[in-house]
Amino acid sequence: AQLSGMEFTAVYCVAPARTTMTRSMSFAFATYYDEA
């Protein structure tokens, strides 16, 4: 069999660091900060 569309893999979801929790609907309301 052949494959198709394998170049389209650049999808990421936001998660709390060092967790597997990837339910990211709430991040639509997030504010982001740098280390400072």
Full PDB file with SEQRES, HELIX, SHEET, SSBOND, CRYST1, ORIGX, SCALE, CONECT and MASTER records, all heavy atoms in Angstrom:
SEQRES   1 A   36  ALA GLN LEU SER GLY MET GLU PHE THR ALA VAL TYR CYS          
SEQRES   2 A   36  VAL ALA PRO ALA ARG THR THR MET THR ARG SER MET SER          
SEQRES   3 A   36  PHE ALA PHE ALA THR TYR TYR ASP GLU ALA                      
HELIX    1 AA1 MET A   25  PHE A   29  5                                   5    
CRYST1    1.000    1.000    1.000  90.00  90.00  90.00 P 1           1          
ORIGX1      1.000000  0.000000  0.000000        0.00000                         
ORIGX2      0.000000  1.000000  0.000000        0.00000                         
ORIGX3      0.000000  0.000000  1.000000        0.00000                         
SCALE1      1.000000  0.000000  0.000000        0.00000                         
SCALE2      0.000000  1.000000  0.000000        0.00000                         
SCALE3      0.000000  0.000000  1.000000        0.00000                         
ATOM      1  N   ALA A   1       0.835  -1.200   0.000  1.00  0.00           N  
ATOM      2  CA  ALA A   1       0.000   0.000   0.000  1.00  0.00           C  
ATOM      3  C   ALA A   1       0.871   1.251   0.000  1.00  0.00           C  
ATOM      4  O   ALA A   1       2.041   1.224   0.386  1.00  0.00           O  
ATOM      5  CB  ALA A   1      -0.927   0.004   1.213  1.00  0.00           C  
ATOM      6  N   GLN A   2       0.282   2.355  -0.430  1.00  0.00           N  
ATOM      7  CA  GLN A   2       0.961   3.648  -0.404  1.00  0.00           C  
ATOM      8  C   GLN A   2       0.459   4.484   0.770  1.00  0.00           C  
ATOM      9  O   GLN A   2      -0.584   4.203   1.363  1.00  0.00           O  
ATOM     10  CB  GLN A   2       0.718   4.396  -1.708  1.00  0.00           C  
ATOM     11  CG  GLN A   2       1.250   3.685  -2.938  1.00  0.00           C  
ATOM     12  CD  GLN A   2       1.030   4.489  -4.214  1.00  0.00           C  
ATOM     13  OE1 GLN A   2       1.075   5.709  -4.207  1.00  0.00           O  
ATOM     14  NE2 GLN A   2       0.780   3.783  -5.306  1.00  0.00           N  
ATOM     15  N   LEU A   3       1.220   5.536   1.089  1.00  0.00           N  
ATOM     16  CA  LEU A   3       0.810   6.510   2.091  1.00  0.00           C  
ATOM     17  C   LEU A   3       0.655   7.860   1.416  1.00  0.00           C  
ATOM     18  O   LEU A   3       1.115   8.052   0.289  1.00  0.00           O  
ATOM     19  CB  LEU A   3       1.831   6.586   3.234  1.00  0.00           C  
ATOM     20  CG  LEU A   3       1.926   5.313   4.095  1.00  0.00           C  
ATOM     21  CD1 LEU A   3       3.060   4.439   3.616  1.00  0.00           C  
ATOM     22  CD2 LEU A   3       2.111   5.665   5.566  1.00  0.00           C  
ATOM     23  N   SER A   4       0.020   8.791   2.136  1.00  0.00           N  
ATOM     24  CA  SER A   4      -0.194  10.125   1.579  1.00  0.00           C  
ATOM     25  C   SER A   4      -0.307  11.131   2.714  1.00  0.00           C  
ATOM     26  O   SER A   4      -0.805  10.807   3.795  1.00  0.00           O  
ATOM     27  CB  SER A   4      -1.472  10.141   0.733  1.00  0.00           C  
ATOM     28  OG  SER A   4      -1.661  11.397   0.118  1.00  0.00           O  
ATOM     29  N   GLY A   5       0.181  12.354   2.442  1.00  0.00           N  
ATOM     30  CA  GLY A   5       0.032  13.433   3.411  1.00  0.00           C  
ATOM     31  C   GLY A   5       0.945  13.364   4.610  1.00  0.00           C  
ATOM     32  O   GLY A   5       0.726  14.068   5.597  1.00  0.00           O  
ATOM     33  N   MET A   6       2.009  12.579   4.555  1.00  0.00           N  
ATOM     34  CA  MET A   6       2.854  12.393   5.730  1.00  0.00           C  
ATOM     35  C   MET A   6       3.699  13.616   6.065  1.00  0.00           C  
ATOM     36  O   MET A   6       4.328  13.659   7.128  1.00  0.00           O  
ATOM     37  CB  MET A   6       3.741  11.166   5.543  1.00  0.00           C  
ATOM     38  CG  MET A   6       2.992   9.851   5.528  1.00  0.00           C  
ATOM     39  SD  MET A   6       2.187   9.455   7.108  1.00  0.00           S  
ATOM     40  CE  MET A   6       3.610   8.972   8.096  1.00  0.00           C  
ATOM     41  N   GLU A   7       3.724  14.609   5.190  1.00  0.00           N  
ATOM     42  CA  GLU A   7       4.435  15.844   5.526  1.00  0.00           C  
ATOM     43  C   GLU A   7       3.662  16.709   6.512  1.00  0.00           C  
ATOM     44  O   GLU A   7       4.230  17.603   7.159  1.00  0.00           O  
ATOM     45  CB  GLU A   7       4.739  16.655   4.258  1.00  0.00           C  
ATOM     46  CG  GLU A   7       3.544  17.226   3.548  1.00  0.00           C  
ATOM     47  CD  GLU A   7       2.930  16.303   2.513  1.00  0.00           C  
ATOM     48  OE1 GLU A   7       2.950  15.063   2.726  1.00  0.00           O  
ATOM     49  OE2 GLU A   7       2.425  16.800   1.496  1.00  0.00           O  
ATOM     50  N   PHE A   8       2.371  16.457   6.661  1.00  0.00           N  
ATOM     51  CA  PHE A   8       1.531  17.304   7.503  1.00  0.00           C  
ATOM     52  C   PHE A   8       1.476  16.750   8.930  1.00  0.00           C  
ATOM     53  O   PHE A   8       0.478  16.165   9.353  1.00  0.00           O  
ATOM     54  CB  PHE A   8       0.137  17.419   6.894  1.00  0.00           C  
ATOM     55  CG  PHE A   8       0.131  18.067   5.538  1.00  0.00           C  
ATOM     56  CD1 PHE A   8      -0.186  17.334   4.406  1.00  0.00           C  
ATOM     57  CD2 PHE A   8       0.463  19.405   5.394  1.00  0.00           C  
ATOM     58  CE1 PHE A   8      -0.195  17.925   3.150  1.00  0.00           C  
ATOM     59  CE2 PHE A   8       0.462  20.007   4.140  1.00  0.00           C  
ATOM     60  CZ  PHE A   8       0.138  19.270   3.014  1.00  0.00           C  
ATOM     61  N   THR A   9       2.561  16.931   9.666  1.00  0.00           N  
ATOM     62  CA  THR A   9       2.664  16.393  11.024  1.00  0.00           C  
ATOM     63  C   THR A   9       2.933  17.470  12.066  1.00  0.00           C  
ATOM     64  O   THR A   9       3.069  17.152  13.243  1.00  0.00           O  
ATOM     65  CB  THR A   9       3.798  15.359  11.109  1.00  0.00           C  
ATOM     66  OG1 THR A   9       5.024  15.979  10.680  1.00  0.00           O  
ATOM     67  CG2 THR A   9       3.520  14.145  10.243  1.00  0.00           C  
ATOM     68  N   ALA A  10       3.044  18.737  11.663  1.00  0.00           N  
ATOM     69  CA  ALA A  10       3.476  19.800  12.582  1.00  0.00           C  
ATOM     70  C   ALA A  10       2.310  20.315  13.409  1.00  0.00           C  
ATOM     71  O   ALA A  10       1.888  21.467  13.293  1.00  0.00           O  
ATOM     72  CB  ALA A  10       4.133  20.932  11.792  1.00  0.00           C  
ATOM     73  N   VAL A  11       1.762  19.450  14.267  1.00  0.00           N  
ATOM     74  CA  VAL A  11       0.645  19.807  15.129  1.00  0.00           C  
ATOM     75  C   VAL A  11       1.071  19.587  16.580  1.00  0.00           C  
ATOM     76  O   VAL A  11       1.609  18.533  16.926  1.00  0.00           O  
ATOM     77  CB  VAL A  11      -0.608  18.967  14.816  1.00  0.00           C  
ATOM     78  CG1 VAL A  11      -1.776  19.408  15.687  1.00  0.00           C  
ATOM     79  CG2 VAL A  11      -0.975  19.090  13.345  1.00  0.00           C  
ATOM     80  N   TYR A  12       0.836  20.592  17.403  1.00  0.00           N  
ATOM     81  CA  TYR A  12       1.227  20.536  18.816  1.00  0.00           C  
ATOM     82  C   TYR A  12       0.073  21.030  19.669  1.00  0.00           C  
ATOM     83  O   TYR A  12      -0.768  21.811  19.223  1.00  0.00           O  
ATOM     84  CB  TYR A  12       2.454  21.422  19.081  1.00  0.00           C  
ATOM     85  CG  TYR A  12       3.728  20.912  18.452  1.00  0.00           C  
ATOM     86  CD1 TYR A  12       3.962  21.063  17.087  1.00  0.00           C  
ATOM     87  CD2 TYR A  12       4.695  20.268  19.211  1.00  0.00           C  
ATOM     88  CE1 TYR A  12       5.124  20.598  16.505  1.00  0.00           C  
ATOM     89  CE2 TYR A  12       5.863  19.803  18.638  1.00  0.00           C  
ATOM     90  CZ  TYR A  12       6.071  19.967  17.285  1.00  0.00           C  
ATOM     91  OH  TYR A  12       7.229  19.494  16.704  1.00  0.00           O  
ATOM     92  N   CYS A  13       0.043  20.579  20.922  1.00  0.00           N  
ATOM     93  CA  CYS A  13      -0.940  21.100  21.868  1.00  0.00           C  
ATOM     94  C   CYS A  13      -0.222  21.568  23.122  1.00  0.00           C  
ATOM     95  O   CYS A  13       0.822  21.035  23.505  1.00  0.00           O  
ATOM     96  CB  CYS A  13      -1.983  20.045  22.208  1.00  0.00           C  
ATOM     97  SG  CYS A  13      -1.311  18.561  22.942  1.00  0.00           S  
ATOM     98  N   VAL A  14      -0.788  22.583  23.767  1.00  0.00           N  
ATOM     99  CA  VAL A  14      -0.216  23.127  24.986  1.00  0.00           C  
ATOM    100  C   VAL A  14      -0.535  22.197  26.148  1.00  0.00           C  
ATOM    101  O   VAL A  14      -1.627  21.623  26.222  1.00  0.00           O  
ATOM    102  CB  VAL A  14      -0.783  24.528  25.274  1.00  0.00           C  
ATOM    103  CG1 VAL A  14      -0.004  25.208  26.384  1.00  0.00           C  
ATOM    104  CG2 VAL A  14      -0.795  25.375  24.022  1.00  0.00           C  
ATOM    105  N   ALA A  15       0.411  22.082  27.076  1.00  0.00           N  
ATOM    106  CA  ALA A  15       0.196  21.250  28.253  1.00  0.00           C  
ATOM    107  C   ALA A  15       1.019  21.804  29.411  1.00  0.00           C  
ATOM    108  O   ALA A  15       2.062  22.435  29.189  1.00  0.00           O  
ATOM    109  CB  ALA A  15       0.611  19.806  27.982  1.00  0.00           C  
ATOM    110  N   PRO A  16       0.593  21.579  30.633  1.00  0.00           N  
ATOM    111  CA  PRO A  16       1.467  21.901  31.766  1.00  0.00           C  
ATOM    112  C   PRO A  16       2.763  21.097  31.648  1.00  0.00           C  
ATOM    113  O   PRO A  16       2.737  19.915  31.304  1.00  0.00           O  
ATOM    114  CB  PRO A  16       0.647  21.458  32.985  1.00  0.00           C  
ATOM    115  CG  PRO A  16      -0.770  21.430  32.513  1.00  0.00           C  
ATOM    116  CD  PRO A  16      -0.709  21.034  31.071  1.00  0.00           C  
ATOM    117  N   ALA A  17       3.884  21.737  31.888  1.00  0.00           N  
ATOM    118  CA  ALA A  17       5.176  21.064  31.747  1.00  0.00           C  
ATOM    119  C   ALA A  17       5.246  19.837  32.643  1.00  0.00           C  
ATOM    120  O   ALA A  17       4.691  19.808  33.743  1.00  0.00           O  
ATOM    121  CB  ALA A  17       6.304  22.027  32.091  1.00  0.00           C  
ATOM    122  N   ARG A  18       5.928  18.816  32.135  1.00  0.00           N  
ATOM    123  CA  ARG A  18       6.170  17.560  32.860  1.00  0.00           C  
ATOM    124  C   ARG A  18       4.871  16.824  33.197  1.00  0.00           C  
ATOM    125  O   ARG A  18       4.751  16.163  34.214  1.00  0.00           O  
ATOM    126  CB  ARG A  18       7.002  17.806  34.130  1.00  0.00           C  
ATOM    127  CG  ARG A  18       8.432  18.264  33.826  1.00  0.00           C  
ATOM    128  CD  ARG A  18       9.191  18.693  35.055  1.00  0.00           C  
ATOM    129  NE  ARG A  18       8.642  19.945  35.587  1.00  0.00           N  
ATOM    130  CZ  ARG A  18       8.911  21.151  35.091  1.00  0.00           C  
ATOM    131  NH1 ARG A  18       9.730  21.278  34.062  1.00  0.00           N  
ATOM    132  NH2 ARG A  18       8.380  22.228  35.625  1.00  0.00           N  
ATOM    133  N   THR A  19       3.874  16.945  32.317  1.00  0.00           N  
ATOM    134  CA  THR A  19       2.652  16.157  32.433  1.00  0.00           C  
ATOM    135  C   THR A  19       2.291  15.633  31.047  1.00  0.00           C  
ATOM    136  O   THR A  19       2.818  16.102  30.033  1.00  0.00           O  
ATOM    137  CB  THR A  19       1.452  16.977  32.955  1.00  0.00           C  
ATOM    138  OG1 THR A  19       0.927  17.795  31.893  1.00  0.00           O  
ATOM    139  CG2 THR A  19       1.849  17.859  34.120  1.00  0.00           C  
ATOM    140  N   THR A  20       1.357  14.692  31.016  1.00  0.00           N  
ATOM    141  CA  THR A  20       0.819  14.199  29.746  1.00  0.00           C  
ATOM    142  C   THR A  20      -0.539  14.819  29.451  1.00  0.00           C  
ATOM    143  O   THR A  20      -1.186  14.435  28.479  1.00  0.00           O  
ATOM    144  CB  THR A  20       0.655  12.670  29.777  1.00  0.00           C  
ATOM    145  OG1 THR A  20      -0.262  12.324  30.827  1.00  0.00           O  
ATOM    146  CG2 THR A  20       1.979  11.975  30.026  1.00  0.00           C  
ATOM    147  N   MET A  21      -0.986  15.746  30.280  1.00  0.00           N  
ATOM    148  CA  MET A  21      -2.339  16.279  30.160  1.00  0.00           C  
ATOM    149  C   MET A  21      -2.450  17.204  28.951  1.00  0.00           C  
ATOM    150  O   MET A  21      -1.827  18.260  28.916  1.00  0.00           O  
ATOM    151  CB  MET A  21      -2.719  17.035  31.434  1.00  0.00           C  
ATOM    152  CG  MET A  21      -4.136  17.558  31.415  1.00  0.00           C  
ATOM    153  SD  MET A  21      -5.367  16.322  30.942  1.00  0.00           S  
ATOM    154  CE  MET A  21      -5.087  15.078  32.182  1.00  0.00           C  
ATOM    155  N   THR A  22      -3.216  16.783  27.976  1.00  0.00           N  
ATOM    156  CA  THR A  22      -3.266  17.511  26.708  1.00  0.00           C  
ATOM    157  C   THR A  22      -4.681  17.947  26.335  1.00  0.00           C  
ATOM    158  O   THR A  22      -4.960  18.168  25.177  1.00  0.00           O  
ATOM    159  CB  THR A  22      -2.694  16.632  25.580  1.00  0.00           C  
ATOM    160  OG1 THR A  22      -3.357  15.362  25.597  1.00  0.00           O  
ATOM    161  CG2 THR A  22      -1.212  16.431  25.762  1.00  0.00           C  
ATOM    162  N   ARG A  23      -5.539  18.093  27.301  1.00  0.00           N  
ATOM    163  CA  ARG A  23      -6.856  18.655  27.022  1.00  0.00           C  
ATOM    164  C   ARG A  23      -6.703  20.175  27.088  1.00  0.00           C  
ATOM    165  O   ARG A  23      -6.632  20.750  28.167  1.00  0.00           O  
ATOM    166  CB  ARG A  23      -7.883  18.161  28.046  1.00  0.00           C  
ATOM    167  CG  ARG A  23      -7.944  16.650  28.202  1.00  0.00           C  
ATOM    168  CD  ARG A  23      -8.734  15.980  27.095  1.00  0.00           C  
ATOM    169  NE  ARG A  23      -8.093  15.978  25.802  1.00  0.00           N  
ATOM    170  CZ  ARG A  23      -7.149  15.120  25.437  1.00  0.00           C  
ATOM    171  NH1 ARG A  23      -6.697  14.222  26.257  1.00  0.00           N  
ATOM    172  NH2 ARG A  23      -6.639  15.172  24.208  1.00  0.00           N  
ATOM    173  N   SER A  24      -6.642  20.828  25.956  1.00  0.00           N  
ATOM    174  CA  SER A  24      -6.134  22.198  25.904  1.00  0.00           C  
ATOM    175  C   SER A  24      -7.178  23.262  25.629  1.00  0.00           C  
ATOM    176  O   SER A  24      -6.830  24.409  25.350  1.00  0.00           O  
ATOM    177  CB  SER A  24      -5.027  22.291  24.850  1.00  0.00           C  
ATOM    178  OG  SER A  24      -5.490  21.837  23.600  1.00  0.00           O  
ATOM    179  N   MET A  25      -8.470  22.948  25.711  1.00  0.00           N  
ATOM    180  CA  MET A  25      -9.497  23.953  25.454  1.00  0.00           C  
ATOM    181  C   MET A  25      -9.320  25.177  26.351  1.00  0.00           C  
ATOM    182  O   MET A  25      -9.454  26.325  25.904  1.00  0.00           O  
ATOM    183  CB  MET A  25     -10.887  23.339  25.658  1.00  0.00           C  
ATOM    184  CG  MET A  25     -12.051  24.303  25.463  1.00  0.00           C  
ATOM    185  SD  MET A  25     -12.521  25.214  26.970  1.00  0.00           S  
ATOM    186  CE  MET A  25     -13.194  23.891  27.969  1.00  0.00           C  
ATOM    187  N   SER A  26      -8.990  24.977  27.613  1.00  0.00           N  
ATOM    188  CA  SER A  26      -8.874  26.093  28.553  1.00  0.00           C  
ATOM    189  C   SER A  26      -7.755  27.050  28.198  1.00  0.00           C  
ATOM    190  O   SER A  26      -7.770  28.219  28.623  1.00  0.00           O  
ATOM    191  CB  SER A  26      -8.673  25.559  29.972  1.00  0.00           C  
ATOM    192  OG  SER A  26      -9.828  24.871  30.421  1.00  0.00           O  
ATOM    193  N   PHE A  27      -6.766  26.599  27.418  1.00  0.00           N  
ATOM    194  CA  PHE A  27      -5.654  27.471  27.073  1.00  0.00           C  
ATOM    195  C   PHE A  27      -6.062  28.566  26.084  1.00  0.00           C  
ATOM    196  O   PHE A  27      -5.265  29.455  25.788  1.00  0.00           O  
ATOM    197  CB  PHE A  27      -4.488  26.651  26.530  1.00  0.00           C  
ATOM    198  CG  PHE A  27      -3.725  25.938  27.617  1.00  0.00           C  
ATOM    199  CD1 PHE A  27      -3.969  24.605  27.894  1.00  0.00           C  
ATOM    200  CD2 PHE A  27      -2.786  26.607  28.374  1.00  0.00           C  
ATOM    201  CE1 PHE A  27      -3.290  23.945  28.898  1.00  0.00           C  
ATOM    202  CE2 PHE A  27      -2.093  25.966  29.377  1.00  0.00           C  
ATOM    203  CZ  PHE A  27      -2.341  24.626  29.657  1.00  0.00           C  
ATOM    204  N   ALA A  28      -7.271  28.520  25.585  1.00  0.00           N  
ATOM    205  CA  ALA A  28      -7.761  29.638  24.781  1.00  0.00           C  
ATOM    206  C   ALA A  28      -7.832  30.918  25.606  1.00  0.00           C  
ATOM    207  O   ALA A  28      -7.845  32.026  25.051  1.00  0.00           O  
ATOM    208  CB  ALA A  28      -9.149  29.311  24.223  1.00  0.00           C  
ATOM    209  N   PHE A  29      -7.844  30.790  26.936  1.00  0.00           N  
ATOM    210  CA  PHE A  29      -7.939  31.943  27.825  1.00  0.00           C  
ATOM    211  C   PHE A  29      -6.635  32.197  28.579  1.00  0.00           C  
ATOM    212  O   PHE A  29      -6.617  32.938  29.560  1.00  0.00           O  
ATOM    213  CB  PHE A  29      -9.082  31.731  28.827  1.00  0.00           C  
ATOM    214  CG  PHE A  29     -10.388  31.375  28.178  1.00  0.00           C  
ATOM    215  CD1 PHE A  29     -10.838  30.062  28.179  1.00  0.00           C  
ATOM    216  CD2 PHE A  29     -11.143  32.337  27.536  1.00  0.00           C  
ATOM    217  CE1 PHE A  29     -12.035  29.719  27.575  1.00  0.00           C  
ATOM    218  CE2 PHE A  29     -12.344  32.007  26.928  1.00  0.00           C  
ATOM    219  CZ  PHE A  29     -12.784  30.700  26.943  1.00  0.00           C  
ATOM    220  N   ALA A  30      -5.541  31.591  28.133  1.00  0.00           N  
ATOM    221  CA  ALA A  30      -4.277  31.710  28.859  1.00  0.00           C  
ATOM    222  C   ALA A  30      -3.583  33.033  28.568  1.00  0.00           C  
ATOM    223  O   ALA A  30      -3.696  33.606  27.482  1.00  0.00           O  
ATOM    224  CB  ALA A  30      -3.355  30.554  28.492  1.00  0.00           C  
ATOM    225  N   THR A  31      -2.831  33.500  29.563  1.00  0.00           N  
ATOM    226  CA  THR A  31      -1.858  34.573  29.392  1.00  0.00           C  
ATOM    227  C   THR A  31      -0.488  33.960  29.623  1.00  0.00           C  
ATOM    228  O   THR A  31      -0.291  33.202  30.583  1.00  0.00           O  
ATOM    229  CB  THR A  31      -2.098  35.702  30.401  1.00  0.00           C  
ATOM    230  OG1 THR A  31      -3.429  36.202  30.229  1.00  0.00           O  
ATOM    231  CG2 THR A  31      -1.098  36.836  30.208  1.00  0.00           C  
ATOM    232  N   TYR A  32       0.468  34.285  28.740  1.00  0.00           N  
ATOM    233  CA  TYR A  32       1.785  33.653  28.781  1.00  0.00           C  
ATOM    234  C   TYR A  32       2.837  34.650  29.256  1.00  0.00           C  
ATOM    235  O   TYR A  32       2.756  35.859  28.969  1.00  0.00           O  
ATOM    236  CB  TYR A  32       2.148  33.115  27.395  1.00  0.00           C  
ATOM    237  CG  TYR A  32       1.216  32.009  26.949  1.00  0.00           C  
ATOM    238  CD1 TYR A  32       0.079  32.292  26.190  1.00  0.00           C  
ATOM    239  CD2 TYR A  32       1.449  30.689  27.314  1.00  0.00           C  
ATOM    240  CE1 TYR A  32      -0.789  31.286  25.793  1.00  0.00           C  
ATOM    241  CE2 TYR A  32       0.583  29.674  26.926  1.00  0.00           C  
ATOM    242  CZ  TYR A  32      -0.531  29.982  26.169  1.00  0.00           C  
ATOM    243  OH  TYR A  32      -1.391  28.993  25.794  1.00  0.00           O  
ATOM    244  N   TYR A  33       3.840  34.120  29.970  1.00  0.00           N  
ATOM    245  CA  TYR A  33       4.873  34.941  30.577  1.00  0.00           C  
ATOM    246  C   TYR A  33       6.243  34.310  30.338  1.00  0.00           C  
ATOM    247  O   TYR A  33       6.370  33.079  30.264  1.00  0.00           O  
ATOM    248  CB  TYR A  33       4.669  35.051  32.099  1.00  0.00           C  
ATOM    249  CG  TYR A  33       3.303  35.509  32.521  1.00  0.00           C  
ATOM    250  CD1 TYR A  33       2.246  34.593  32.652  1.00  0.00           C  
ATOM    251  CD2 TYR A  33       3.046  36.844  32.807  1.00  0.00           C  
ATOM    252  CE1 TYR A  33       0.983  35.000  33.047  1.00  0.00           C  
ATOM    253  CE2 TYR A  33       1.779  37.269  33.210  1.00  0.00           C  
ATOM    254  CZ  TYR A  33       0.752  36.346  33.322  1.00  0.00           C  
ATOM    255  OH  TYR A  33      -0.493  36.752  33.719  1.00  0.00           O  
ATOM    256  N   ASP A  34       7.278  35.159  30.264  1.00  0.00           N  
ATOM    257  CA  ASP A  34       8.638  34.624  30.224  1.00  0.00           C  
ATOM    258  C   ASP A  34       9.111  34.379  31.653  1.00  0.00           C  
ATOM    259  O   ASP A  34       8.371  34.598  32.628  1.00  0.00           O  
ATOM    260  CB  ASP A  34       9.577  35.548  29.448  1.00  0.00           C  
ATOM    261  CG  ASP A  34       9.754  36.914  30.085  1.00  0.00           C  
ATOM    262  OD1 ASP A  34       9.408  37.083  31.285  1.00  0.00           O  
ATOM    263  OD2 ASP A  34      10.234  37.830  29.395  1.00  0.00           O  
ATOM    264  N   GLU A  35      10.366  33.950  31.791  1.00  0.00           N  
ATOM    265  CA  GLU A  35      10.887  33.569  33.105  1.00  0.00           C  
ATOM    266  C   GLU A  35      10.951  34.758  34.055  1.00  0.00           C  
ATOM    267  O   GLU A  35      10.878  34.596  35.277  1.00  0.00           O  
ATOM    268  CB  GLU A  35      12.271  32.948  32.940  1.00  0.00           C  
ATOM    269  CG  GLU A  35      12.716  32.121  34.122  1.00  0.00           C  
ATOM    270  CD  GLU A  35      13.921  31.250  33.812  1.00  0.00           C  
ATOM    271  OE1 GLU A  35      14.543  31.447  32.746  1.00  0.00           O  
ATOM    272  OE2 GLU A  35      14.243  30.367  34.630  1.00  0.00           O  
ATOM    273  N   ALA A  36      11.060  35.973  33.489  1.00  0.00           N  
ATOM    274  CA  ALA A  36      11.112  37.176  34.323  1.00  0.00           C  
ATOM    275  C   ALA A  36       9.736  37.697  34.691  1.00  0.00           C  
ATOM    276  O   ALA A  36       9.616  38.707  35.400  1.00  0.00           O  
ATOM    277  CB  ALA A  36      11.895  38.260  33.588  1.00  0.00           C  
TER     278      ALA A  36                                                      
MASTER        0    0    0    1    0    0    0    6  277    1    0    3          
END                                                                             
